[in-house]
Amino acid sequence: MIGGIIVSAFAVLGNLFKPKTFAGLFGAAPSVAIATLTLTVAKDGRSYASAEARSMVVGAIALCFYSICVAFLLIRGRVSVLAATLSSTAAWLCVALGLWFVFLR
């Protein structure tokens, strides 16, 4: 029930923006994360859920960096999609491991 309410709220938020494809993005990821954290608190406690939430934030930052790199390479670098995604995956891994080393270790 909690997940459904959150999905609906984010879907409404997503419908306010253009293009409408943001509705799926806003509806899926945050609601799954919140539902997962809610279940984690119930099963393993707040401290474990807190560590999981920090890991989600680090993953989101690394994914954002990856997305920016792919977009930059495709728009400005004029490279193939395969080359852009493979090289950006390496950049994502460096950012994710770097943030983990600094904040989560």
N, C-alpha and C. Protein backbone atom coordinates (compact mmCIF):
# COMPACT_ATOMS: atom_id res chain seq x y z
N MET A 1 0.82 -1.19 0.00
CA MET A 1 0.00 0.00 0.00
C MET A 1 0.87 1.26 0.00
N ILE A 2 1.93 1.23 0.83
CA ILE A 2 2.83 2.38 0.88
C ILE A 2 3.47 2.61 -0.48
N GLY A 3 3.94 1.53 -1.09
CA GLY A 3 4.56 1.66 -2.41
C GLY A 3 3.62 2.21 -3.46
N GLY A 4 2.35 1.76 -3.43
CA GLY A 4 1.36 2.24 -4.39
C GLY A 4 1.07 3.72 -4.24
N ILE A 5 0.98 4.16 -3.00
CA ILE A 5 0.73 5.59 -2.74
C ILE A 5 1.91 6.42 -3.24
N ILE A 6 3.10 5.94 -2.97
CA ILE A 6 4.29 6.69 -3.38
C ILE A 6 4.44 6.69 -4.90
N VAL A 7 4.17 5.56 -5.54
CA VAL A 7 4.22 5.50 -7.01
C VAL A 7 3.24 6.49 -7.60
N SER A 8 2.03 6.53 -7.05
CA SER A 8 1.02 7.46 -7.55
C SER A 8 1.45 8.91 -7.38
N ALA A 9 2.01 9.23 -6.23
CA ALA A 9 2.45 10.60 -5.97
C ALA A 9 3.55 11.02 -6.95
N PHE A 10 4.51 10.14 -7.18
CA PHE A 10 5.58 10.49 -8.10
C PHE A 10 5.10 10.50 -9.55
N ALA A 11 4.11 9.67 -9.89
CA ALA A 11 3.55 9.71 -11.24
C ALA A 11 2.85 11.03 -11.50
N VAL A 12 2.13 11.53 -10.50
CA VAL A 12 1.49 12.85 -10.64
C VAL A 12 2.55 13.92 -10.82
N LEU A 13 3.61 13.85 -10.02
CA LEU A 13 4.72 14.80 -10.15
C LEU A 13 5.34 14.72 -11.54
N GLY A 14 5.53 13.50 -12.03
CA GLY A 14 6.11 13.32 -13.35
C GLY A 14 5.25 13.86 -14.47
N ASN A 15 3.94 13.84 -14.30
CA ASN A 15 3.04 14.36 -15.32
C ASN A 15 3.09 15.88 -15.43
N LEU A 16 3.66 16.53 -14.44
CA LEU A 16 3.78 17.98 -14.48
C LEU A 16 4.90 18.44 -15.41
N PHE A 17 5.83 17.55 -15.72
CA PHE A 17 6.99 17.92 -16.53
C PHE A 17 6.84 17.40 -17.95
N LYS A 18 7.62 17.98 -18.85
CA LYS A 18 7.66 17.53 -20.23
C LYS A 18 9.06 17.03 -20.50
N PRO A 19 9.33 16.01 -21.21
CA PRO A 19 8.39 15.10 -21.84
C PRO A 19 7.75 14.18 -20.80
N LYS A 20 6.68 13.55 -21.20
CA LYS A 20 5.91 12.71 -20.27
C LYS A 20 6.67 11.46 -19.85
N THR A 21 7.79 11.16 -20.49
CA THR A 21 8.56 9.98 -20.09
C THR A 21 9.15 10.14 -18.70
N PHE A 22 9.22 11.38 -18.20
CA PHE A 22 9.69 11.57 -16.82
C PHE A 22 8.75 10.92 -15.81
N ALA A 23 7.49 10.75 -16.16
CA ALA A 23 6.52 10.16 -15.24
C ALA A 23 6.96 8.77 -14.81
N GLY A 24 7.43 7.97 -15.75
CA GLY A 24 7.91 6.63 -15.41
C GLY A 24 9.14 6.67 -14.54
N LEU A 25 10.04 7.59 -14.85
CA LEU A 25 11.26 7.72 -14.06
C LEU A 25 10.95 8.16 -12.64
N PHE A 26 10.11 9.18 -12.52
CA PHE A 26 9.75 9.66 -11.19
C PHE A 26 8.92 8.64 -10.43
N GLY A 27 8.16 7.84 -11.13
CA GLY A 27 7.27 6.88 -10.47
C GLY A 27 7.97 5.63 -9.99
N ALA A 28 8.97 5.17 -10.70
CA ALA A 28 9.56 3.88 -10.39
C ALA A 28 10.64 3.93 -9.32
N ALA A 29 11.72 4.61 -9.59
CA ALA A 29 12.89 4.53 -8.71
C ALA A 29 12.65 5.01 -7.28
N PRO A 30 12.08 6.18 -7.08
CA PRO A 30 11.90 6.63 -5.69
C PRO A 30 10.96 5.73 -4.89
N SER A 31 9.91 5.26 -5.52
CA SER A 31 8.96 4.44 -4.78
C SER A 31 9.55 3.09 -4.41
N VAL A 32 10.32 2.51 -5.31
CA VAL A 32 10.97 1.24 -5.00
C VAL A 32 11.97 1.43 -3.87
N ALA A 33 12.73 2.51 -3.92
CA ALA A 33 13.71 2.78 -2.86
C ALA A 33 13.04 2.99 -1.51
N ILE A 34 11.96 3.76 -1.49
CA ILE A 34 11.28 4.02 -0.22
C ILE A 34 10.63 2.76 0.32
N ALA A 35 10.02 1.97 -0.55
CA ALA A 35 9.41 0.72 -0.09
C ALA A 35 10.47 -0.24 0.43
N THR A 36 11.60 -0.31 -0.26
CA THR A 36 12.69 -1.17 0.18
C THR A 36 13.22 -0.73 1.54
N LEU A 37 13.41 0.56 1.71
CA LEU A 37 13.90 1.07 2.99
C LEU A 37 12.89 0.83 4.12
N THR A 38 11.61 0.96 3.81
CA THR A 38 10.58 0.70 4.81
C THR A 38 10.63 -0.75 5.27
N LEU A 39 10.74 -1.67 4.32
CA LEU A 39 10.85 -3.09 4.68
C LEU A 39 12.15 -3.39 5.42
N THR A 40 13.22 -2.72 5.04
CA THR A 40 14.50 -2.93 5.70
C THR A 40 14.46 -2.45 7.15
N VAL A 41 13.82 -1.32 7.40
CA VAL A 41 13.68 -0.83 8.78
C VAL A 41 12.90 -1.83 9.60
N ALA A 42 11.83 -2.37 9.03
CA ALA A 42 11.00 -3.32 9.77
C ALA A 42 11.75 -4.62 10.06
N LYS A 43 12.60 -5.04 9.14
CA LYS A 43 13.28 -6.33 9.31
C LYS A 43 14.62 -6.21 10.03
N ASP A 44 15.45 -5.22 9.65
CA ASP A 44 16.82 -5.17 10.15
C ASP A 44 17.13 -3.96 11.03
N GLY A 45 16.22 -3.03 11.15
CA GLY A 45 16.44 -1.88 12.02
C GLY A 45 16.88 -0.63 11.28
N ARG A 46 16.85 0.46 12.03
CA ARG A 46 17.14 1.77 11.42
C ARG A 46 18.59 1.95 11.01
N SER A 47 19.52 1.43 11.79
CA SER A 47 20.94 1.66 11.46
C SER A 47 21.32 0.96 10.16
N TYR A 48 20.81 -0.24 9.95
CA TYR A 48 21.08 -0.95 8.70
C TYR A 48 20.42 -0.24 7.53
N ALA A 49 19.18 0.22 7.71
CA ALA A 49 18.48 0.94 6.65
C ALA A 49 19.20 2.26 6.34
N SER A 50 19.77 2.88 7.34
CA SER A 50 20.52 4.11 7.13
C SER A 50 21.74 3.87 6.23
N ALA A 51 22.43 2.78 6.48
CA ALA A 51 23.58 2.43 5.63
C ALA A 51 23.13 2.13 4.20
N GLU A 52 21.99 1.46 4.06
CA GLU A 52 21.46 1.18 2.73
C GLU A 52 21.06 2.47 2.01
N ALA A 53 20.48 3.41 2.74
CA ALA A 53 20.08 4.68 2.13
C ALA A 53 21.30 5.47 1.66
N ARG A 54 22.35 5.47 2.45
CA ARG A 54 23.58 6.15 2.01
C ARG A 54 24.14 5.49 0.76
N SER A 55 24.06 4.17 0.69
CA SER A 55 24.53 3.47 -0.50
C SER A 55 23.70 3.84 -1.72
N MET A 56 22.39 4.01 -1.54
CA MET A 56 21.52 4.41 -2.64
C MET A 56 21.88 5.80 -3.15
N VAL A 57 22.21 6.70 -2.24
CA VAL A 57 22.58 8.06 -2.63
C VAL A 57 23.88 8.05 -3.43
N VAL A 58 24.86 7.28 -2.96
CA VAL A 58 26.13 7.18 -3.68
C VAL A 58 25.89 6.58 -5.07
N GLY A 59 25.07 5.55 -5.15
CA GLY A 59 24.75 4.95 -6.45
C GLY A 59 24.05 5.93 -7.38
N ALA A 60 23.17 6.75 -6.84
CA ALA A 60 22.46 7.74 -7.66
C ALA A 60 23.41 8.81 -8.19
N ILE A 61 24.34 9.24 -7.36
CA ILE A 61 25.33 10.23 -7.80
C ILE A 61 26.19 9.65 -8.91
N ALA A 62 26.64 8.40 -8.74
CA ALA A 62 27.46 7.75 -9.77
C ALA A 62 26.67 7.57 -11.06
N LEU A 63 25.38 7.22 -10.96
CA LEU A 63 24.54 7.07 -12.15
C LEU A 63 24.34 8.40 -12.86
N CYS A 64 24.19 9.46 -12.11
CA CYS A 64 24.05 10.79 -12.70
C CYS A 64 25.32 11.16 -13.47
N PHE A 65 26.47 10.88 -12.89
CA PHE A 65 27.74 11.15 -13.56
C PHE A 65 27.85 10.33 -14.85
N TYR A 66 27.46 9.07 -14.78
CA TYR A 66 27.46 8.20 -15.95
C TYR A 66 26.58 8.78 -17.06
N SER A 67 25.39 9.20 -16.69
CA SER A 67 24.44 9.73 -17.67
C SER A 67 24.97 10.99 -18.33
N ILE A 68 25.58 11.85 -17.55
CA ILE A 68 26.16 13.08 -18.10
C ILE A 68 27.30 12.75 -19.06
N CYS A 69 28.14 11.78 -18.69
CA CYS A 69 29.25 11.38 -19.55
C CYS A 69 28.75 10.81 -20.88
N VAL A 70 27.74 9.93 -20.82
CA VAL A 70 27.19 9.36 -22.05
C VAL A 70 26.61 10.45 -22.93
N ALA A 71 25.82 11.34 -22.35
CA ALA A 71 25.22 12.42 -23.13
C ALA A 71 26.29 13.31 -23.75
N PHE A 72 27.30 13.65 -22.98
CA PHE A 72 28.37 14.50 -23.50
C PHE A 72 29.09 13.83 -24.66
N LEU A 73 29.44 12.55 -24.49
CA LEU A 73 30.16 11.85 -25.55
C LEU A 73 29.32 11.70 -26.81
N LEU A 74 28.03 11.46 -26.65
CA LEU A 74 27.19 11.29 -27.83
C LEU A 74 26.91 12.61 -28.54
N ILE A 75 26.76 13.68 -27.78
CA ILE A 75 26.43 14.96 -28.39
C ILE A 75 27.67 15.68 -28.88
N ARG A 76 28.67 15.78 -28.03
CA ARG A 76 29.86 16.57 -28.39
C ARG A 76 30.98 15.73 -28.99
N GLY A 77 31.13 14.50 -28.49
CA GLY A 77 32.26 13.68 -28.92
C GLY A 77 32.06 12.96 -30.22
N ARG A 78 30.80 12.84 -30.63
CA ARG A 78 30.46 12.17 -31.88
C ARG A 78 31.09 10.77 -31.95
N VAL A 79 30.94 10.02 -30.85
CA VAL A 79 31.43 8.64 -30.82
C VAL A 79 30.22 7.71 -30.92
N SER A 80 30.49 6.43 -31.13
CA SER A 80 29.40 5.46 -31.23
C SER A 80 28.76 5.25 -29.85
N VAL A 81 27.55 4.74 -29.86
CA VAL A 81 26.84 4.48 -28.61
C VAL A 81 27.59 3.45 -27.78
N LEU A 82 28.09 2.42 -28.43
CA LEU A 82 28.84 1.39 -27.70
C LEU A 82 30.06 1.97 -27.02
N ALA A 83 30.82 2.78 -27.73
CA ALA A 83 32.02 3.39 -27.15
C ALA A 83 31.65 4.34 -26.01
N ALA A 84 30.60 5.10 -26.18
CA ALA A 84 30.19 6.05 -25.14
C ALA A 84 29.75 5.32 -23.87
N THR A 85 28.96 4.27 -24.03
CA THR A 85 28.47 3.56 -22.84
C THR A 85 29.58 2.77 -22.16
N LEU A 86 30.45 2.15 -22.93
CA LEU A 86 31.54 1.39 -22.31
C LEU A 86 32.52 2.29 -21.56
N SER A 87 32.90 3.38 -22.18
CA SER A 87 33.83 4.28 -21.50
C SER A 87 33.17 4.96 -20.30
N SER A 88 31.91 5.27 -20.41
CA SER A 88 31.20 5.88 -19.28
C SER A 88 30.97 4.89 -18.15
N THR A 89 30.88 3.62 -18.48
CA THR A 89 30.76 2.60 -17.43
C THR A 89 32.03 2.57 -16.59
N ALA A 90 33.16 2.71 -17.22
CA ALA A 90 34.42 2.78 -16.47
C ALA A 90 34.44 4.02 -15.58
N ALA A 91 33.95 5.14 -16.09
CA ALA A 91 33.88 6.37 -15.29
C ALA A 91 32.91 6.19 -14.12
N TRP A 92 31.76 5.52 -14.37
CA TRP A 92 30.80 5.25 -13.30
C TRP A 92 31.44 4.43 -12.19
N LEU A 93 32.19 3.41 -12.58
CA LEU A 93 32.83 2.56 -11.59
C LEU A 93 33.83 3.35 -10.75
N CYS A 94 34.60 4.22 -11.38
CA CYS A 94 35.56 5.04 -10.64
C CYS A 94 34.85 5.97 -9.66
N VAL A 95 33.78 6.61 -10.10
CA VAL A 95 33.03 7.52 -9.23
C VAL A 95 32.39 6.74 -8.08
N ALA A 96 31.76 5.62 -8.39
CA ALA A 96 31.09 4.82 -7.36
C ALA A 96 32.08 4.33 -6.32
N LEU A 97 33.21 3.78 -6.76
CA LEU A 97 34.21 3.29 -5.82
C LEU A 97 34.86 4.43 -5.04
N GLY A 98 35.08 5.56 -5.71
CA GLY A 98 35.66 6.71 -5.02
C GLY A 98 34.73 7.24 -3.93
N LEU A 99 33.45 7.37 -4.26
CA LEU A 99 32.49 7.83 -3.25
C LEU A 99 32.33 6.82 -2.13
N TRP A 100 32.35 5.54 -2.47
CA TRP A 100 32.28 4.51 -1.43
C TRP A 100 33.48 4.62 -0.49
N PHE A 101 34.68 4.78 -1.09
CA PHE A 101 35.89 4.86 -0.28
C PHE A 101 35.86 6.07 0.65
N VAL A 102 35.35 7.20 0.17
CA VAL A 102 35.33 8.42 0.98
C VAL A 102 34.20 8.41 2.02
N PHE A 103 32.99 7.97 1.63
CA PHE A 103 31.84 8.15 2.50
C PHE A 103 31.33 6.89 3.19
N LEU A 104 31.54 5.73 2.62
CA LEU A 104 30.88 4.53 3.13
C LEU A 104 31.82 3.51 3.77
N ARG A 105 33.07 3.67 3.58
CA ARG A 105 34.03 2.68 4.07
C ARG A 105 34.08 2.64 5.53
